Full PDB file with SEQRES, HELIX, SHEET, SSBOND, CRYST1, ORIGX, SCALE, CONECT and MASTER records, all heavy atoms in Angstrom:
SEQRES   1 A   33  VAL ALA ALA HIS GLU ALA GLU VAL THR GLN ALA LEU VAL          
SEQRES   2 A   33  GLU ALA LEU SER ALA ILE PRO GLN VAL ARG LEU ILE GLY          
SEQRES   3 A   33  THR PRO ARG GLU ARG ALA SER                                  
HELIX    1 AA1 ALA A    2  SER A   17  1                                  16    
CRYST1    1.000    1.000    1.000  90.00  90.00  90.00 P 1           1          
ORIGX1      1.000000  0.000000  0.000000        0.00000                         
ORIGX2      0.000000  1.000000  0.000000        0.00000                         
ORIGX3      0.000000  0.000000  1.000000        0.00000                         
SCALE1      1.000000  0.000000  0.000000        0.00000                         
SCALE2      0.000000  1.000000  0.000000        0.00000                         
SCALE3      0.000000  0.000000  1.000000        0.00000                         
ATOM      1  N   VAL A   1       9.751 -14.215  -0.716  1.00  0.00           N  
ATOM      2  CA  VAL A   1      10.028 -12.809  -0.405  1.00  0.00           C  
ATOM      3  C   VAL A   1       8.959 -11.909  -1.015  1.00  0.00           C  
ATOM      4  O   VAL A   1       8.411 -11.014  -0.360  1.00  0.00           O  
ATOM      5  CB  VAL A   1      11.428 -12.411  -0.926  1.00  0.00           C  
ATOM      6  CG1 VAL A   1      11.620 -10.896  -0.847  1.00  0.00           C  
ATOM      7  CG2 VAL A   1      12.519 -13.118  -0.126  1.00  0.00           C  
ATOM      8  N   ALA A   2       8.643 -12.149  -2.286  1.00  0.00           N  
ATOM      9  CA  ALA A   2       7.640 -11.338  -2.972  1.00  0.00           C  
ATOM     10  C   ALA A   2       6.277 -11.459  -2.307  1.00  0.00           C  
ATOM     11  O   ALA A   2       5.561 -10.460  -2.144  1.00  0.00           O  
ATOM     12  CB  ALA A   2       7.558 -11.750  -4.442  1.00  0.00           C  
ATOM     13  N   ALA A   3       5.900 -12.664  -1.898  1.00  0.00           N  
ATOM     14  CA  ALA A   3       4.599 -12.866  -1.263  1.00  0.00           C  
ATOM     15  C   ALA A   3       4.528 -12.160   0.084  1.00  0.00           C  
ATOM     16  O   ALA A   3       3.515 -11.520   0.417  1.00  0.00           O  
ATOM     17  CB  ALA A   3       4.335 -14.356  -1.096  1.00  0.00           C  
ATOM     18  N   HIS A   4       5.597 -12.250   0.866  1.00  0.00           N  
ATOM     19  CA  HIS A   4       5.620 -11.585   2.171  1.00  0.00           C  
ATOM     20  C   HIS A   4       5.534 -10.069   2.018  1.00  0.00           C  
ATOM     21  O   HIS A   4       4.734  -9.402   2.685  1.00  0.00           O  
ATOM     22  CB  HIS A   4       6.895 -11.952   2.922  1.00  0.00           C  
ATOM     23  CG  HIS A   4       7.135 -11.134   4.151  1.00  0.00           C  
ATOM     24  ND1 HIS A   4       6.431 -11.334   5.322  1.00  0.00           N  
ATOM     25  CD2 HIS A   4       7.975 -10.088   4.376  1.00  0.00           C  
ATOM     26  CE1 HIS A   4       6.828 -10.450   6.226  1.00  0.00           C  
ATOM     27  NE2 HIS A   4       7.765  -9.687   5.677  1.00  0.00           N  
ATOM     28  N   GLU A   5       6.329  -9.530   1.111  1.00  0.00           N  
ATOM     29  CA  GLU A   5       6.336  -8.080   0.937  1.00  0.00           C  
ATOM     30  C   GLU A   5       5.018  -7.579   0.354  1.00  0.00           C  
ATOM     31  O   GLU A   5       4.563  -6.481   0.683  1.00  0.00           O  
ATOM     32  CB  GLU A   5       7.507  -7.678   0.037  1.00  0.00           C  
ATOM     33  CG  GLU A   5       8.858  -7.896   0.714  1.00  0.00           C  
ATOM     34  CD  GLU A   5      10.010  -7.411  -0.135  1.00  0.00           C  
ATOM     35  OE1 GLU A   5       9.773  -6.990  -1.302  1.00  0.00           O  
ATOM     36  OE2 GLU A   5      11.158  -7.443   0.344  1.00  0.00           O  
ATOM     37  N   ALA A   6       4.381  -8.370  -0.499  1.00  0.00           N  
ATOM     38  CA  ALA A   6       3.080  -7.971  -1.048  1.00  0.00           C  
ATOM     39  C   ALA A   6       2.044  -7.857   0.067  1.00  0.00           C  
ATOM     40  O   ALA A   6       1.216  -6.931   0.080  1.00  0.00           O  
ATOM     41  CB  ALA A   6       2.619  -8.981  -2.093  1.00  0.00           C  
ATOM     42  N   GLU A   7       2.090  -8.774   1.017  1.00  0.00           N  
ATOM     43  CA  GLU A   7       1.150  -8.729   2.148  1.00  0.00           C  
ATOM     44  C   GLU A   7       1.368  -7.475   2.995  1.00  0.00           C  
ATOM     45  O   GLU A   7       0.415  -6.776   3.363  1.00  0.00           O  
ATOM     46  CB  GLU A   7       1.330  -9.980   3.017  1.00  0.00           C  
ATOM     47  CG  GLU A   7       0.438  -9.999   4.254  1.00  0.00           C  
ATOM     48  CD  GLU A   7       0.707 -11.185   5.161  1.00  0.00           C  
ATOM     49  OE1 GLU A   7       1.558 -12.035   4.807  1.00  0.00           O  
ATOM     50  OE2 GLU A   7       0.072 -11.276   6.233  1.00  0.00           O  
ATOM     51  N   VAL A   8       2.634  -7.171   3.290  1.00  0.00           N  
ATOM     52  CA  VAL A   8       2.933  -6.010   4.120  1.00  0.00           C  
ATOM     53  C   VAL A   8       2.614  -4.720   3.361  1.00  0.00           C  
ATOM     54  O   VAL A   8       2.071  -3.767   3.936  1.00  0.00           O  
ATOM     55  CB  VAL A   8       4.403  -6.030   4.568  1.00  0.00           C  
ATOM     56  CG1 VAL A   8       4.738  -4.792   5.399  1.00  0.00           C  
ATOM     57  CG2 VAL A   8       4.702  -7.290   5.378  1.00  0.00           C  
ATOM     58  N   THR A   9       2.936  -4.684   2.068  1.00  0.00           N  
ATOM     59  CA  THR A   9       2.663  -3.485   1.266  1.00  0.00           C  
ATOM     60  C   THR A   9       1.167  -3.220   1.177  1.00  0.00           C  
ATOM     61  O   THR A   9       0.723  -2.070   1.272  1.00  0.00           O  
ATOM     62  CB  THR A   9       3.260  -3.630  -0.143  1.00  0.00           C  
ATOM     63  OG1 THR A   9       4.672  -3.840  -0.032  1.00  0.00           O  
ATOM     64  CG2 THR A   9       3.006  -2.389  -0.975  1.00  0.00           C  
ATOM     65  N   GLN A  10       0.372  -4.272   0.996  1.00  0.00           N  
ATOM     66  CA  GLN A  10      -1.072  -4.085   0.945  1.00  0.00           C  
ATOM     67  C   GLN A  10      -1.604  -3.568   2.268  1.00  0.00           C  
ATOM     68  O   GLN A  10      -2.474  -2.678   2.302  1.00  0.00           O  
ATOM     69  CB  GLN A  10      -1.762  -5.406   0.592  1.00  0.00           C  
ATOM     70  CG  GLN A  10      -3.276  -5.311   0.462  1.00  0.00           C  
ATOM     71  CD  GLN A  10      -3.724  -4.321  -0.588  1.00  0.00           C  
ATOM     72  OE1 GLN A  10      -3.066  -4.147  -1.613  1.00  0.00           O  
ATOM     73  NE2 GLN A  10      -4.853  -3.664  -0.347  1.00  0.00           N  
ATOM     74  N   ALA A  11      -1.068  -4.077   3.371  1.00  0.00           N  
ATOM     75  CA  ALA A  11      -1.465  -3.572   4.695  1.00  0.00           C  
ATOM     76  C   ALA A  11      -1.088  -2.102   4.837  1.00  0.00           C  
ATOM     77  O   ALA A  11      -1.841  -1.312   5.437  1.00  0.00           O  
ATOM     78  CB  ALA A  11      -0.793  -4.398   5.788  1.00  0.00           C  
ATOM     79  N   LEU A  12       0.054  -1.719   4.278  1.00  0.00           N  
ATOM     80  CA  LEU A  12       0.496  -0.325   4.333  1.00  0.00           C  
ATOM     81  C   LEU A  12      -0.449   0.577   3.544  1.00  0.00           C  
ATOM     82  O   LEU A  12      -0.845   1.649   4.018  1.00  0.00           O  
ATOM     83  CB  LEU A  12       1.919  -0.229   3.784  1.00  0.00           C  
ATOM     84  CG  LEU A  12       2.549   1.161   3.681  1.00  0.00           C  
ATOM     85  CD1 LEU A  12       2.585   1.846   5.040  1.00  0.00           C  
ATOM     86  CD2 LEU A  12       3.962   1.049   3.087  1.00  0.00           C  
ATOM     87  N   VAL A  13      -0.814   0.153   2.339  1.00  0.00           N  
ATOM     88  CA  VAL A  13      -1.750   0.938   1.521  1.00  0.00           C  
ATOM     89  C   VAL A  13      -3.082   1.105   2.246  1.00  0.00           C  
ATOM     90  O   VAL A  13      -3.653   2.205   2.298  1.00  0.00           O  
ATOM     91  CB  VAL A  13      -1.963   0.258   0.153  1.00  0.00           C  
ATOM     92  CG1 VAL A  13      -3.108   0.925  -0.612  1.00  0.00           C  
ATOM     93  CG2 VAL A  13      -0.684   0.299  -0.677  1.00  0.00           C  
ATOM     94  N   GLU A  14      -3.585   0.033   2.834  1.00  0.00           N  
ATOM     95  CA  GLU A  14      -4.874   0.087   3.520  1.00  0.00           C  
ATOM     96  C   GLU A  14      -4.809   0.972   4.758  1.00  0.00           C  
ATOM     97  O   GLU A  14      -5.738   1.754   5.025  1.00  0.00           O  
ATOM     98  CB  GLU A  14      -5.315  -1.328   3.899  1.00  0.00           C  
ATOM     99  CG  GLU A  14      -5.656  -2.194   2.683  1.00  0.00           C  
ATOM    100  CD  GLU A  14      -5.947  -3.628   3.060  1.00  0.00           C  
ATOM    101  OE1 GLU A  14      -5.851  -3.966   4.270  1.00  0.00           O  
ATOM    102  OE2 GLU A  14      -6.255  -4.439   2.151  1.00  0.00           O  
ATOM    103  N   ALA A  15      -3.719   0.883   5.511  1.00  0.00           N  
ATOM    104  CA  ALA A  15      -3.585   1.689   6.724  1.00  0.00           C  
ATOM    105  C   ALA A  15      -3.502   3.171   6.401  1.00  0.00           C  
ATOM    106  O   ALA A  15      -4.135   4.010   7.060  1.00  0.00           O  
ATOM    107  CB  ALA A  15      -2.355   1.249   7.509  1.00  0.00           C  
ATOM    108  N   LEU A  16      -2.733   3.523   5.372  1.00  0.00           N  
ATOM    109  CA  LEU A  16      -2.606   4.929   4.996  1.00  0.00           C  
ATOM    110  C   LEU A  16      -3.920   5.458   4.408  1.00  0.00           C  
ATOM    111  O   LEU A  16      -4.308   6.603   4.656  1.00  0.00           O  
ATOM    112  CB  LEU A  16      -1.475   5.104   3.994  1.00  0.00           C  
ATOM    113  CG  LEU A  16      -0.060   4.850   4.529  1.00  0.00           C  
ATOM    114  CD1 LEU A  16       0.960   4.934   3.404  1.00  0.00           C  
ATOM    115  CD2 LEU A  16       0.298   5.826   5.643  1.00  0.00           C  
ATOM    116  N   SER A  17      -4.597   4.629   3.628  1.00  0.00           N  
ATOM    117  CA  SER A  17      -5.853   5.047   3.016  1.00  0.00           C  
ATOM    118  C   SER A  17      -6.938   5.303   4.057  1.00  0.00           C  
ATOM    119  O   SER A  17      -7.892   6.050   3.797  1.00  0.00           O  
ATOM    120  CB  SER A  17      -6.331   3.979   2.028  1.00  0.00           C  
ATOM    121  OG  SER A  17      -5.395   3.787   0.984  1.00  0.00           O  
ATOM    122  N   ALA A  18      -6.803   4.706   5.231  1.00  0.00           N  
ATOM    123  CA  ALA A  18      -7.803   4.860   6.283  1.00  0.00           C  
ATOM    124  C   ALA A  18      -7.648   6.157   7.070  1.00  0.00           C  
ATOM    125  O   ALA A  18      -8.507   6.495   7.880  1.00  0.00           O  
ATOM    126  CB  ALA A  18      -7.736   3.665   7.234  1.00  0.00           C  
ATOM    127  N   ILE A  19      -6.559   6.882   6.836  1.00  0.00           N  
ATOM    128  CA  ILE A  19      -6.321   8.150   7.545  1.00  0.00           C  
ATOM    129  C   ILE A  19      -6.779   9.283   6.632  1.00  0.00           C  
ATOM    130  O   ILE A  19      -6.199   9.505   5.564  1.00  0.00           O  
ATOM    131  CB  ILE A  19      -4.833   8.309   7.899  1.00  0.00           C  
ATOM    132  CG1 ILE A  19      -4.360   7.121   8.764  1.00  0.00           C  
ATOM    133  CG2 ILE A  19      -4.599   9.625   8.639  1.00  0.00           C  
ATOM    134  CD1 ILE A  19      -2.865   7.122   9.046  1.00  0.00           C  
ATOM    135  N   PRO A  20      -7.820  10.027   7.001  1.00  0.00           N  
ATOM    136  CA  PRO A  20      -8.407  11.026   6.095  1.00  0.00           C  
ATOM    137  C   PRO A  20      -7.424  12.078   5.591  1.00  0.00           C  
ATOM    138  O   PRO A  20      -7.552  12.557   4.465  1.00  0.00           O  
ATOM    139  CB  PRO A  20      -9.509  11.665   6.949  1.00  0.00           C  
ATOM    140  CG  PRO A  20      -9.841  10.639   7.976  1.00  0.00           C  
ATOM    141  CD  PRO A  20      -8.551   9.928   8.267  1.00  0.00           C  
ATOM    142  N   GLN A  21      -6.460  12.467   6.396  1.00  0.00           N  
ATOM    143  CA  GLN A  21      -5.539  13.534   6.022  1.00  0.00           C  
ATOM    144  C   GLN A  21      -4.414  13.061   5.093  1.00  0.00           C  
ATOM    145  O   GLN A  21      -3.601  13.864   4.635  1.00  0.00           O  
ATOM    146  CB  GLN A  21      -4.917  14.168   7.264  1.00  0.00           C  
ATOM    147  CG  GLN A  21      -5.910  14.866   8.177  1.00  0.00           C  
ATOM    148  CD  GLN A  21      -6.560  13.925   9.171  1.00  0.00           C  
ATOM    149  OE1 GLN A  21      -6.443  12.692   9.057  1.00  0.00           O  
ATOM    150  NE2 GLN A  21      -7.241  14.484  10.162  1.00  0.00           N  
ATOM    151  N   VAL A  22      -4.345  11.766   4.829  1.00  0.00           N  
ATOM    152  CA  VAL A  22      -3.268  11.208   4.006  1.00  0.00           C  
ATOM    153  C   VAL A  22      -3.724  11.098   2.557  1.00  0.00           C  
ATOM    154  O   VAL A  22      -4.826  10.622   2.265  1.00  0.00           O  
ATOM    155  CB  VAL A  22      -2.834   9.827   4.524  1.00  0.00           C  
ATOM    156  CG1 VAL A  22      -1.883   9.150   3.530  1.00  0.00           C  
ATOM    157  CG2 VAL A  22      -2.141   9.961   5.883  1.00  0.00           C  
ATOM    158  N   ARG A  23      -2.876  11.541   1.646  1.00  0.00           N  
ATOM    159  CA  ARG A  23      -3.114  11.421   0.202  1.00  0.00           C  
ATOM    160  C   ARG A  23      -2.034  10.528  -0.397  1.00  0.00           C  
ATOM    161  O   ARG A  23      -0.843  10.853  -0.330  1.00  0.00           O  
ATOM    162  CB  ARG A  23      -3.083  12.799  -0.456  1.00  0.00           C  
ATOM    163  CG  ARG A  23      -3.094  12.757  -1.983  1.00  0.00           C  
ATOM    164  CD  ARG A  23      -2.748  14.123  -2.558  1.00  0.00           C  
ATOM    165  NE  ARG A  23      -2.486  14.050  -3.990  1.00  0.00           N  
ATOM    166  CZ  ARG A  23      -1.894  15.027  -4.690  1.00  0.00           C  
ATOM    167  NH1 ARG A  23      -1.511  16.150  -4.081  1.00  0.00           N  
ATOM    168  NH2 ARG A  23      -1.680  14.885  -5.987  1.00  0.00           N  
ATOM    169  N   LEU A  24      -2.448   9.405  -0.938  1.00  0.00           N  
ATOM    170  CA  LEU A  24      -1.496   8.534  -1.613  1.00  0.00           C  
ATOM    171  C   LEU A  24      -1.112   9.145  -2.961  1.00  0.00           C  
ATOM    172  O   LEU A  24      -1.960   9.680  -3.679  1.00  0.00           O  
ATOM    173  CB  LEU A  24      -2.089   7.150  -1.841  1.00  0.00           C  
ATOM    174  CG  LEU A  24      -2.452   6.330  -0.598  1.00  0.00           C  
ATOM    175  CD1 LEU A  24      -2.899   4.938  -1.016  1.00  0.00           C  
ATOM    176  CD2 LEU A  24      -1.286   6.241   0.364  1.00  0.00           C  
ATOM    177  N   ILE A  25       0.153   9.052  -3.299  1.00  0.00           N  
ATOM    178  CA  ILE A  25       0.652   9.548  -4.579  1.00  0.00           C  
ATOM    179  C   ILE A  25       0.879   8.352  -5.486  1.00  0.00           C  
ATOM    180  O   ILE A  25       1.824   7.584  -5.310  1.00  0.00           O  
ATOM    181  CB  ILE A  25       1.948  10.360  -4.405  1.00  0.00           C  
ATOM    182  CG1 ILE A  25       1.735  11.502  -3.420  1.00  0.00           C  
ATOM    183  CG2 ILE A  25       2.429  10.872  -5.749  1.00  0.00           C  
ATOM    184  CD1 ILE A  25       0.677  12.511  -3.829  1.00  0.00           C  
ATOM    185  N   GLY A  26      -0.017   8.186  -6.430  1.00  0.00           N  
ATOM    186  CA  GLY A  26       0.056   7.049  -7.333  1.00  0.00           C  
ATOM    187  C   GLY A  26      -0.712   5.852  -6.801  1.00  0.00           C  
ATOM    188  O   GLY A  26      -0.589   5.503  -5.619  1.00  0.00           O  
ATOM    189  N   THR A  27      -1.509   5.268  -7.674  1.00  0.00           N  
ATOM    190  CA  THR A  27      -2.256   4.047  -7.326  1.00  0.00           C  
ATOM    191  C   THR A  27      -2.066   3.030  -8.440  1.00  0.00           C  
ATOM    192  O   THR A  27      -3.023   2.671  -9.140  1.00  0.00           O  
ATOM    193  CB  THR A  27      -3.747   4.352  -7.121  1.00  0.00           C  
ATOM    194  OG1 THR A  27      -4.261   4.991  -8.314  1.00  0.00           O  
ATOM    195  CG2 THR A  27      -3.965   5.253  -5.922  1.00  0.00           C  
ATOM    196  N   PRO A  28      -0.849   2.584  -8.680  1.00  0.00           N  
ATOM    197  CA  PRO A  28      -0.585   1.687  -9.813  1.00  0.00           C  
ATOM    198  C   PRO A  28      -1.324   0.360  -9.678  1.00  0.00           C  
ATOM    199  O   PRO A  28      -1.642  -0.080  -8.574  1.00  0.00           O  
ATOM    200  CB  PRO A  28       0.931   1.494  -9.753  1.00  0.00           C  
ATOM    201  CG  PRO A  28       1.292   1.751  -8.326  1.00  0.00           C  
ATOM    202  CD  PRO A  28       0.356   2.817  -7.863  1.00  0.00           C  
ATOM    203  N   ARG A  29      -1.576  -0.261 -10.811  1.00  0.00           N  
ATOM    204  CA  ARG A  29      -2.277  -1.542 -10.812  1.00  0.00           C  
ATOM    205  C   ARG A  29      -1.462  -2.615 -10.115  1.00  0.00           C  
ATOM    206  O   ARG A  29      -2.007  -3.515  -9.492  1.00  0.00           O  
ATOM    207  CB  ARG A  29      -2.592  -1.956 -12.255  1.00  0.00           C  
ATOM    208  CG  ARG A  29      -3.630  -1.058 -12.925  1.00  0.00           C  
ATOM    209  CD  ARG A  29      -3.856  -1.442 -14.385  1.00  0.00           C  
ATOM    210  NE  ARG A  29      -4.899  -0.615 -14.988  1.00  0.00           N  
ATOM    211  CZ  ARG A  29      -4.683   0.593 -15.484  1.00  0.00           C  
ATOM    212  NH1 ARG A  29      -3.462   1.114 -15.454  1.00  0.00           N  
ATOM    213  NH2 ARG A  29      -5.674   1.284 -16.022  1.00  0.00           N  
ATOM    214  N   GLU A  30      -0.160  -2.555 -10.262  1.00  0.00           N  
ATOM    215  CA  GLU A  30       0.728  -3.495  -9.565  1.00  0.00           C  
ATOM    216  C   GLU A  30       1.820  -2.693  -8.885  1.00  0.00           C  
ATOM    217  O   GLU A  30       2.489  -1.886  -9.514  1.00  0.00           O  
ATOM    218  CB  GLU A  30       1.338  -4.506 -10.541  1.00  0.00           C  
ATOM    219  CG  GLU A  30       2.154  -5.581  -9.858  1.00  0.00           C  
ATOM    220  CD  GLU A  30       2.696  -6.626 -10.817  1.00  0.00           C  
ATOM    221  OE1 GLU A  30       2.388  -6.557 -12.021  1.00  0.00           O  
ATOM    222  OE2 GLU A  30       3.449  -7.517 -10.356  1.00  0.00           O  
ATOM    223  N   ARG A  31       1.988  -2.920  -7.587  1.00  0.00           N  
ATOM    224  CA  ARG A  31       2.916  -2.126  -6.788  1.00  0.00           C  
ATOM    225  C   ARG A  31       3.912  -3.047  -6.093  1.00  0.00           C  
ATOM    226  O   ARG A  31       3.560  -4.155  -5.668  1.00  0.00           O  
ATOM    227  CB  ARG A  31       2.137  -1.323  -5.737  1.00  0.00           C  
ATOM    228  CG  ARG A  31       2.999  -0.369  -4.924  1.00  0.00           C  
ATOM    229  CD  ARG A  31       2.244   0.109  -3.692  1.00  0.00           C  
ATOM    230  NE  ARG A  31       1.048   0.869  -3.986  1.00  0.00           N  
ATOM    231  CZ  ARG A  31       1.017   2.192  -4.150  1.00  0.00           C  
ATOM    232  NH1 ARG A  31       2.129   2.889  -4.081  1.00  0.00           N  
ATOM    233  NH2 ARG A  31      -0.132   2.803  -4.385  1.00  0.00           N  
ATOM    234  N   ALA A  32       5.139  -2.570  -5.949  1.00  0.00           N  
ATOM    235  CA  ALA A  32       6.169  -3.347  -5.269  1.00  0.00           C  
ATOM    236  C   ALA A  32       6.814  -2.522  -4.169  1.00  0.00           C  
ATOM    237  O   ALA A  32       7.617  -1.633  -4.446  1.00  0.00           O  
ATOM    238  CB  ALA A  32       7.239  -3.825  -6.249  1.00  0.00           C  
ATOM    239  N   SER A  33       6.425  -2.750  -2.942  1.00  0.00           N  
ATOM    240  CA  SER A  33       7.204  -2.389  -1.756  1.00  0.00           C  
ATOM    241  C   SER A  33       7.434  -0.905  -1.503  1.00  0.00           C  
ATOM    242  O   SER A  33       8.219  -0.560  -0.631  1.00  0.00           O  
ATOM    243  CB  SER A  33       8.575  -3.080  -1.797  1.00  0.00           C  
ATOM    244  OG  SER A  33       8.397  -4.475  -1.865  1.00  0.00           O  
TER     245      SER A  33                                                      
MASTER        0    0    0    1    0    0    0    6  244    1    0    3          
END                                                                             
C-alpha cells in the first residue's frame, strides 16, 4: 500500500509542479499521500 501510494503521490507532486500557476504548500523531505 505504501509503495503504491508513494508512486501516485510523487506523480501528483510532479504534475502540480509542472503547472506554472500552481504553488505547492510545503515541500517536506518525506511526504505521505
